[in-house]
Amino acid sequence: MISRQIYEVILPEVVERLSTIFYHRSSPYGGVDTKDKTVGDLHQWNVWHGTQEPWANWDILKGRFVS
């Protein structure tokens, strides 16, 4: 897929070559597994969509950083 090539290969190489800023490819980002709750960030949709958890469960629907 061309967009994946752009975000995961081309842009990181260009940013590394031309800048000292770390390139964070997109959000959510969890390394190999974008659902990994210990790496990167994740989007928590299970209150409004997905499993449709009660809003009171928000504190247990966590990750390293919920964006």
C-alpha atoms as a PDB file:
ATOM      1  CA  MET A   1       0.000   0.000   0.000  1.00  0.00           C
ATOM      2  CA  ILE A   2       1.532   3.310  -1.070  1.00  0.00           C
ATOM      3  CA  SER A   3       0.245   5.380   1.883  1.00  0.00           C
ATOM      4  CA  ARG A   4       1.822   2.930   4.340  1.00  0.00           C
ATOM      5  CA  GLN A   5       5.134   3.250   2.461  1.00  0.00           C
ATOM      6  CA  ILE A   6       4.921   7.051   2.739  1.00  0.00           C
ATOM      7  CA  TYR A   7       4.161   7.122   6.483  1.00  0.00           C
ATOM      8  CA  GLU A   8       6.353   4.236   7.622  1.00  0.00           C
ATOM      9  CA  VAL A   9       9.396   4.545   5.332  1.00  0.00           C
ATOM     10  CA  ILE A  10       9.671   7.729   3.288  1.00  0.00           C
ATOM     11  CA  LEU A  11       8.653  10.357   5.858  1.00  0.00           C
ATOM     12  CA  PRO A  12      10.748   8.927   8.717  1.00  0.00           C
ATOM     13  CA  GLU A  13      13.816   8.854   6.452  1.00  0.00           C
ATOM     14  CA  VAL A  14      13.285  12.430   5.257  1.00  0.00           C
ATOM     15  CA  VAL A  15      12.678  13.768   8.779  1.00  0.00           C
ATOM     16  CA  GLU A  16      15.759  11.955  10.119  1.00  0.00           C
ATOM     17  CA  ARG A  17      17.902  13.339   7.302  1.00  0.00           C
ATOM     18  CA  LEU A  18      16.688  16.936   7.528  1.00  0.00           C
ATOM     19  CA  SER A  19      15.742  17.433  11.182  1.00  0.00           C
ATOM     20  CA  THR A  20      16.564  16.559  14.777  1.00  0.00           C
ATOM     21  CA  ILE A  21      12.868  16.071  15.583  1.00  0.00           C
ATOM     22  CA  PHE A  22      11.580  12.543  16.214  1.00  0.00           C
ATOM     23  CA  TYR A  23       9.032  11.448  13.620  1.00  0.00           C
ATOM     24  CA  HIS A  24       5.901   9.910  15.139  1.00  0.00           C
ATOM     25  CA  ARG A  25       4.188   8.331  12.165  1.00  0.00           C
ATOM     26  CA  SER A  26       0.542   8.656  13.211  1.00  0.00           C
ATOM     27  CA  SER A  27      -1.989   8.068  15.897  1.00  0.00           C
ATOM     28  CA  PRO A  28      -2.742   5.570  17.229  1.00  0.00           C
ATOM     29  CA  TYR A  29       0.742   4.141  17.347  1.00  0.00           C
ATOM     30  CA  GLY A  30       1.645   1.087  19.372  1.00  0.00           C
ATOM     31  CA  GLY A  31       4.685  -0.241  17.596  1.00  0.00           C
ATOM     32  CA  VAL A  32       3.931  -3.628  16.053  1.00  0.00           C
ATOM     33  CA  ASP A  33       0.428  -3.855  17.556  1.00  0.00           C
ATOM     34  CA  THR A  34      -1.582  -0.624  17.562  1.00  0.00           C
ATOM     35  CA  LYS A  35      -3.769  -2.055  20.354  1.00  0.00           C
ATOM     36  CA  ASP A  36      -0.787  -2.536  22.689  1.00  0.00           C
ATOM     37  CA  LYS A  37      -1.677  -0.732  25.932  1.00  0.00           C
ATOM     38  CA  THR A  38       1.959  -0.482  27.050  1.00  0.00           C
ATOM     39  CA  VAL A  39       3.536   1.208  24.003  1.00  0.00           C
ATOM     40  CA  GLY A  40       2.635   4.452  22.242  1.00  0.00           C
ATOM     41  CA  ASP A  41      -0.938   5.682  22.298  1.00  0.00           C
ATOM     42  CA  LEU A  42      -4.337   4.301  21.457  1.00  0.00           C
ATOM     43  CA  HIS A  43      -7.812   5.518  20.676  1.00  0.00           C
ATOM     44  CA  GLN A  44     -10.412   4.307  23.137  1.00  0.00           C
ATOM     45  CA  TRP A  45     -13.723   4.014  21.310  1.00  0.00           C
ATOM     46  CA  ASN A  46     -15.367   1.385  23.494  1.00  0.00           C
ATOM     47  CA  VAL A  47     -17.480   3.857  25.454  1.00  0.00           C
ATOM     48  CA  TRP A  48     -19.287   5.203  22.382  1.00  0.00           C
ATOM     49  CA  HIS A  49     -18.690   2.409  19.863  1.00  0.00           C
ATOM     50  CA  GLY A  50     -17.073  -1.018  19.873  1.00  0.00           C
ATOM     51  CA  THR A  51     -18.186  -2.847  23.014  1.00  0.00           C
ATOM     52  CA  GLN A  52     -20.221   0.204  24.114  1.00  0.00           C
ATOM     53  CA  GLU A  53     -19.027   0.143  27.700  1.00  0.00           C
ATOM     54  CA  PRO A  54     -20.801   2.320  30.264  1.00  0.00           C
ATOM     55  CA  TRP A  55     -19.069   5.695  30.636  1.00  0.00           C
ATOM     56  CA  ALA A  56     -18.396   4.786  34.280  1.00  0.00           C
ATOM     57  CA  ASN A  57     -15.892   2.169  33.011  1.00  0.00           C
ATOM     58  CA  TRP A  58     -13.719   4.856  31.431  1.00  0.00           C
ATOM     59  CA  ASP A  59     -11.051   4.504  34.134  1.00  0.00           C
ATOM     60  CA  ILE A  60     -10.548   0.783  33.367  1.00  0.00           C
ATOM     61  CA  LEU A  61     -10.456   1.332  29.587  1.00  0.00           C
ATOM     62  CA  LYS A  62      -6.939   2.634  29.669  1.00  0.00           C
ATOM     63  CA  GLY A  63      -3.692   2.624  27.806  1.00  0.00           C
ATOM     64  CA  ARG A  64      -0.290   4.261  28.149  1.00  0.00           C
ATOM     65  CA  PHE A  65      -1.737   7.396  26.527  1.00  0.00           C
ATOM     66  CA  VAL A  66      -5.316   7.604  25.285  1.00  0.00           C
ATOM     67  CA  SER A  67      -5.585  10.058  22.416  1.00  0.00           C
END
